[in-house]
Amino acid sequence: MKSTTKRTQKDYSLAFKLSVVEQVEKGEMTYKQAQDKYGIQG
């Protein structure tokens, strides 16, 4: 996982990012699904 942070128009809270990462790691959704669902990049 890259440690570089890309700033986008939206600046998500750390808790939000961690919850998304947790869902992906648990296999509840793929990374691509997470991107589509939340409109995130990178």
PDB file of N, CA and C in Angstrom:
ATOM      1  N   MET A   1       0.847  -1.193   0.000  1.00  0.00           N
ATOM      2  CA  MET A   1       0.000   0.000   0.000  1.00  0.00           C
ATOM      3  C   MET A   1       0.882   1.243   0.000  1.00  0.00           C
ATOM      4  N   LYS A   2       0.579   2.154  -0.873  1.00  0.00           N
ATOM      5  CA  LYS A   2       1.380   3.366  -0.975  1.00  0.00           C
ATOM      6  C   LYS A   2       1.104   4.298   0.202  1.00  0.00           C
ATOM      7  N   SER A   3       2.149   4.924   0.689  1.00  0.00           N
ATOM      8  CA  SER A   3       1.980   5.833   1.818  1.00  0.00           C
ATOM      9  C   SER A   3       1.747   7.262   1.364  1.00  0.00           C
ATOM     10  N   THR A   4       1.828   7.500   0.065  1.00  0.00           N
ATOM     11  CA  THR A   4       1.587   8.850  -0.430  1.00  0.00           C
ATOM     12  C   THR A   4       0.101   9.162  -0.402  1.00  0.00           C
ATOM     13  N   THR A   5      -0.220  10.381  -0.080  1.00  0.00           N
ATOM     14  CA  THR A   5      -1.617  10.786   0.001  1.00  0.00           C
ATOM     15  C   THR A   5      -1.923  11.753  -1.123  1.00  0.00           C
ATOM     16  N   LYS A   6      -2.949  11.439  -1.887  1.00  0.00           N
ATOM     17  CA  LYS A   6      -3.376  12.354  -2.938  1.00  0.00           C
ATOM     18  C   LYS A   6      -4.530  13.182  -2.408  1.00  0.00           C
ATOM     19  N   ARG A   7      -4.390  14.484  -2.517  1.00  0.00           N
ATOM     20  CA  ARG A   7      -5.482  15.361  -2.093  1.00  0.00           C
ATOM     21  C   ARG A   7      -6.467  15.511  -3.242  1.00  0.00           C
ATOM     22  N   THR A   8      -7.727  15.319  -2.942  1.00  0.00           N
ATOM     23  CA  THR A   8      -8.755  15.533  -3.954  1.00  0.00           C
ATOM     24  C   THR A   8      -9.662  16.649  -3.463  1.00  0.00           C
ATOM     25  N   GLN A   9     -10.721  16.918  -4.201  1.00  0.00           N
ATOM     26  CA  GLN A   9     -11.656  17.957  -3.789  1.00  0.00           C
ATOM     27  C   GLN A   9     -12.241  17.626  -2.423  1.00  0.00           C
ATOM     28  N   LYS A  10     -12.491  16.330  -2.222  1.00  0.00           N
ATOM     29  CA  LYS A  10     -13.071  15.903  -0.954  1.00  0.00           C
ATOM     30  C   LYS A  10     -11.959  15.430  -0.040  1.00  0.00           C
ATOM     31  N   ASP A  11     -12.000  15.856   1.193  1.00  0.00           N
ATOM     32  CA  ASP A  11     -10.999  15.412   2.146  1.00  0.00           C
ATOM     33  C   ASP A  11     -11.709  14.570   3.194  1.00  0.00           C
ATOM     34  N   TYR A  12     -11.548  13.278   3.072  1.00  0.00           N
ATOM     35  CA  TYR A  12     -12.279  12.377   3.959  1.00  0.00           C
ATOM     36  C   TYR A  12     -11.619  12.289   5.317  1.00  0.00           C
ATOM     37  N   SER A  13     -12.430  12.022   6.317  1.00  0.00           N
ATOM     38  CA  SER A  13     -11.892  11.843   7.655  1.00  0.00           C
ATOM     39  C   SER A  13     -11.126  10.531   7.722  1.00  0.00           C
ATOM     40  N   LEU A  14     -10.205  10.445   8.661  1.00  0.00           N
ATOM     41  CA  LEU A  14      -9.419   9.233   8.827  1.00  0.00           C
ATOM     42  C   LEU A  14     -10.319   8.060   9.184  1.00  0.00           C
ATOM     43  N   ALA A  15     -11.292   8.300  10.031  1.00  0.00           N
ATOM     44  CA  ALA A  15     -12.204   7.231  10.437  1.00  0.00           C
ATOM     45  C   ALA A  15     -12.954   6.664   9.237  1.00  0.00           C
ATOM     46  N   PHE A  16     -13.362   7.541   8.334  1.00  0.00           N
ATOM     47  CA  PHE A  16     -14.063   7.088   7.131  1.00  0.00           C
ATOM     48  C   PHE A  16     -13.152   6.206   6.286  1.00  0.00           C
ATOM     49  N   LYS A  17     -11.924   6.671   6.086  1.00  0.00           N
ATOM     50  CA  LYS A  17     -10.987   5.905   5.277  1.00  0.00           C
ATOM     51  C   LYS A  17     -10.710   4.550   5.906  1.00  0.00           C
ATOM     52  N   LEU A  18     -10.524   4.532   7.208  1.00  0.00           N
ATOM     53  CA  LEU A  18     -10.250   3.271   7.886  1.00  0.00           C
ATOM     54  C   LEU A  18     -11.418   2.311   7.774  1.00  0.00           C
ATOM     55  N   SER A  19     -12.639   2.824   7.858  1.00  0.00           N
ATOM     56  CA  SER A  19     -13.807   1.948   7.759  1.00  0.00           C
ATOM     57  C   SER A  19     -13.914   1.353   6.363  1.00  0.00           C
ATOM     58  N   VAL A  20     -13.596   2.130   5.345  1.00  0.00           N
ATOM     59  CA  VAL A  20     -13.627   1.617   3.973  1.00  0.00           C
ATOM     60  C   VAL A  20     -12.547   0.551   3.791  1.00  0.00           C
ATOM     61  N   VAL A  21     -11.350   0.838   4.276  1.00  0.00           N
ATOM     62  CA  VAL A  21     -10.251  -0.119   4.174  1.00  0.00           C
ATOM     63  C   VAL A  21     -10.613  -1.417   4.888  1.00  0.00           C
ATOM     64  N   GLU A  22     -11.224  -1.293   6.051  1.00  0.00           N
ATOM     65  CA  GLU A  22     -11.610  -2.471   6.819  1.00  0.00           C
ATOM     66  C   GLU A  22     -12.607  -3.319   6.046  1.00  0.00           C
ATOM     67  N   GLN A  23     -13.579  -2.678   5.422  1.00  0.00           N
ATOM     68  CA  GLN A  23     -14.568  -3.410   4.632  1.00  0.00           C
ATOM     69  C   GLN A  23     -13.908  -4.155   3.482  1.00  0.00           C
ATOM     70  N   VAL A  24     -12.980  -3.498   2.823  1.00  0.00           N
ATOM     71  CA  VAL A  24     -12.291  -4.125   1.696  1.00  0.00           C
ATOM     72  C   VAL A  24     -11.463  -5.318   2.180  1.00  0.00           C
ATOM     73  N   GLU A  25     -10.748  -5.111   3.300  1.00  0.00           N
ATOM     74  CA  GLU A  25      -9.896  -6.178   3.812  1.00  0.00           C
ATOM     75  C   GLU A  25     -10.703  -7.384   4.269  1.00  0.00           C
ATOM     76  N   LYS A  26     -11.900  -7.142   4.778  1.00  0.00           N
ATOM     77  CA  LYS A  26     -12.754  -8.244   5.223  1.00  0.00           C
ATOM     78  C   LYS A  26     -13.419  -8.943   4.048  1.00  0.00           C
ATOM     79  N   GLY A  27     -13.256  -8.371   2.861  1.00  0.00           N
ATOM     80  CA  GLY A  27     -13.816  -8.990   1.675  1.00  0.00           C
ATOM     81  C   GLY A  27     -15.275  -8.650   1.465  1.00  0.00           C
ATOM     82  N   GLU A  28     -15.757  -7.618   2.148  1.00  0.00           N
ATOM     83  CA  GLU A  28     -17.155  -7.220   1.989  1.00  0.00           C
ATOM     84  C   GLU A  28     -17.375  -6.537   0.646  1.00  0.00           C
ATOM     85  N   MET A  29     -16.324  -5.942   0.133  1.00  0.00           N
ATOM     86  CA  MET A  29     -16.404  -5.337  -1.195  1.00  0.00           C
ATOM     87  C   MET A  29     -14.999  -5.301  -1.765  1.00  0.00           C
ATOM     88  N   THR A  30     -14.907  -5.241  -3.072  1.00  0.00           N
ATOM     89  CA  THR A  30     -13.593  -5.108  -3.684  1.00  0.00           C
ATOM     90  C   THR A  30     -13.175  -3.642  -3.639  1.00  0.00           C
ATOM     91  N   TYR A  31     -11.892  -3.410  -3.894  1.00  0.00           N
ATOM     92  CA  TYR A  31     -11.411  -2.036  -3.892  1.00  0.00           C
ATOM     93  C   TYR A  31     -12.129  -1.212  -4.952  1.00  0.00           C
ATOM     94  N   LYS A  32     -12.369  -1.846  -6.107  1.00  0.00           N
ATOM     95  CA  LYS A  32     -13.071  -1.141  -7.186  1.00  0.00           C
ATOM     96  C   LYS A  32     -14.485  -0.781  -6.758  1.00  0.00           C
ATOM     97  N   GLN A  33     -15.163  -1.692  -6.074  1.00  0.00           N
ATOM     98  CA  GLN A  33     -16.518  -1.406  -5.597  1.00  0.00           C
ATOM     99  C   GLN A  33     -16.496  -0.243  -4.612  1.00  0.00           C
ATOM    100  N   ALA A  34     -15.500  -0.214  -3.759  1.00  0.00           N
ATOM    101  CA  ALA A  34     -15.381   0.877  -2.799  1.00  0.00           C
ATOM    102  C   ALA A  34     -15.189   2.206  -3.526  1.00  0.00           C
ATOM    103  N   GLN A  35     -14.364   2.188  -4.567  1.00  0.00           N
ATOM    104  CA  GLN A  35     -14.160   3.413  -5.344  1.00  0.00           C
ATOM    105  C   GLN A  35     -15.466   3.884  -5.967  1.00  0.00           C
ATOM    106  N   ASP A  36     -16.206   2.941  -6.539  1.00  0.00           N
ATOM    107  CA  ASP A  36     -17.467   3.299  -7.187  1.00  0.00           C
ATOM    108  C   ASP A  36     -18.495   3.779  -6.171  1.00  0.00           C
ATOM    109  N   LYS A  37     -18.586   3.073  -5.056  1.00  0.00           N
ATOM    110  CA  LYS A  37     -19.604   3.380  -4.053  1.00  0.00           C
ATOM    111  C   LYS A  37     -19.385   4.746  -3.418  1.00  0.00           C
ATOM    112  N   TYR A  38     -18.124   5.040  -3.082  1.00  0.00           N
ATOM    113  CA  TYR A  38     -17.840   6.279  -2.364  1.00  0.00           C
ATOM    114  C   TYR A  38     -17.260   7.376  -3.245  1.00  0.00           C
ATOM    115  N   GLY A  39     -17.017   7.055  -4.502  1.00  0.00           N
ATOM    116  CA  GLY A  39     -16.462   8.062  -5.398  1.00  0.00           C
ATOM    117  C   GLY A  39     -15.065   8.488  -5.021  1.00  0.00           C
ATOM    118  N   ILE A  40     -14.269   7.536  -4.546  1.00  0.00           N
ATOM    119  CA  ILE A  40     -12.910   7.867  -4.133  1.00  0.00           C
ATOM    120  C   ILE A  40     -11.926   7.537  -5.241  1.00  0.00           C
ATOM    121  N   GLN A  41     -10.763   8.161  -5.170  1.00  0.00           N
ATOM    122  CA  GLN A  41      -9.712   7.925  -6.150  1.00  0.00           C
ATOM    123  C   GLN A  41      -8.466   7.446  -5.437  1.00  0.00           C
ATOM    124  N   GLY A  42      -7.760   6.507  -6.057  1.00  0.00           N
ATOM    125  CA  GLY A  42      -6.491   6.061  -5.495  1.00  0.00           C
ATOM    126  C   GLY A  42      -6.664   5.127  -4.376  1.00  0.00           C
TER     127      GLY A  42
END
